[in-house]
Amino acid sequence: MKIVIKVKANQKTQGLEFTSEKECIAKLKSLPIKGKANQELVGLLSKHYGVPKKDIQIISGNVSNIKIVEISHLD
């Protein structure tokens, strides 16, 4: 399953806000420095979907605020 995510880093609260089944806005507390925001995003998605972190991969947008994420083993 692929999801398009718009990331808002350095927020006071953390969470996922789904605009549709395949699109969401992620509010992260971390700053986008040295991949910390990406790690926080993967952890948040892992908890939301109930899959291990290793099953979540950022396909594109590693250094962008708009990312395409693929989640494996999700039925």
Protein backbone atom coordinates (compact mmCIF):
# COMPACT_ATOMS: atom_id res chain seq x y z
CA MET A 1 0.00 0.00 0.00
CA LYS A 2 1.36 3.42 -0.95
CA ILE A 3 0.46 6.61 0.90
CA VAL A 4 1.21 10.24 0.05
CA ILE A 5 2.14 12.13 3.20
CA LYS A 6 2.62 15.85 3.74
CA VAL A 7 4.93 16.30 6.71
CA LYS A 8 4.75 19.24 9.10
CA ALA A 9 7.82 19.10 11.34
CA ASN A 10 8.52 20.94 14.60
CA GLN A 11 4.88 20.85 15.79
CA LYS A 12 3.71 20.92 19.41
CA THR A 13 1.52 17.86 18.98
CA GLN A 14 2.17 14.62 17.13
CA GLY A 15 -0.37 12.83 14.98
CA LEU A 16 -1.73 11.66 11.64
CA GLU A 17 -4.65 13.38 9.95
CA PHE A 18 -6.05 11.39 7.01
CA THR A 19 -7.59 13.43 4.18
CA SER A 20 -8.37 10.23 2.23
CA GLU A 21 -7.46 6.55 2.38
CA LYS A 22 -4.16 7.14 0.53
CA GLU A 23 -3.28 10.68 1.68
CA CYS A 24 -2.51 12.16 5.07
CA ILE A 25 -0.87 15.01 6.93
CA ALA A 26 1.68 14.02 9.56
CA LYS A 27 2.42 16.40 12.41
CA LEU A 28 5.79 15.60 13.92
CA LYS A 29 7.60 17.00 16.95
CA SER A 30 11.10 16.38 15.54
CA LEU A 31 13.07 18.78 13.42
CA PRO A 32 13.99 17.57 9.92
CA ILE A 33 17.67 17.21 10.83
CA LYS A 34 19.70 14.02 10.24
CA GLY A 35 16.58 11.98 9.44
CA LYS A 36 14.97 12.40 12.86
CA ALA A 37 11.63 13.49 11.40
CA ASN A 38 11.66 10.52 9.01
CA GLN A 39 12.33 8.13 11.90
CA GLU A 40 9.48 9.67 13.89
CA LEU A 41 7.17 9.35 10.85
CA VAL A 42 8.02 5.66 10.40
CA GLY A 43 7.37 5.04 14.11
CA LEU A 44 4.04 6.85 13.96
CA LEU A 45 2.91 4.90 10.88
CA SER A 46 4.09 1.65 12.45
CA LYS A 47 1.97 2.27 15.53
CA HIS A 48 -1.07 3.39 13.51
CA TYR A 49 -1.11 0.41 11.13
CA GLY A 50 0.20 -2.18 13.61
CA VAL A 51 3.13 -3.28 11.43
CA PRO A 52 6.85 -3.46 12.25
CA LYS A 53 9.01 -0.46 11.30
CA LYS A 54 10.96 -2.62 8.85
CA ASP A 55 7.77 -2.97 6.74
CA ILE A 56 7.58 0.80 6.19
CA GLN A 57 9.78 2.39 3.53
CA ILE A 58 9.99 5.98 2.30
CA ILE A 59 10.06 5.57 -1.49
CA SER A 60 10.48 9.22 -2.43
CA GLY A 61 10.78 12.55 -0.67
CA ASN A 62 13.48 11.67 1.87
CA VAL A 63 14.47 15.36 2.12
CA SER A 64 11.10 16.82 1.08
CA ASN A 65 7.99 17.59 3.10
CA ILE A 66 5.89 15.55 0.67
CA LYS A 67 6.71 11.85 0.85
CA ILE A 68 5.51 8.65 -0.76
CA VAL A 69 5.60 5.81 1.74
CA GLU A 70 5.08 2.12 1.03
CA ILE A 71 3.76 -0.19 3.74
CA SER A 72 4.38 -3.90 3.15
CA HIS A 73 2.34 -6.81 4.51
CA LEU A 74 -0.77 -4.70 4.94
CA ASP A 75 -3.98 -6.45 3.93
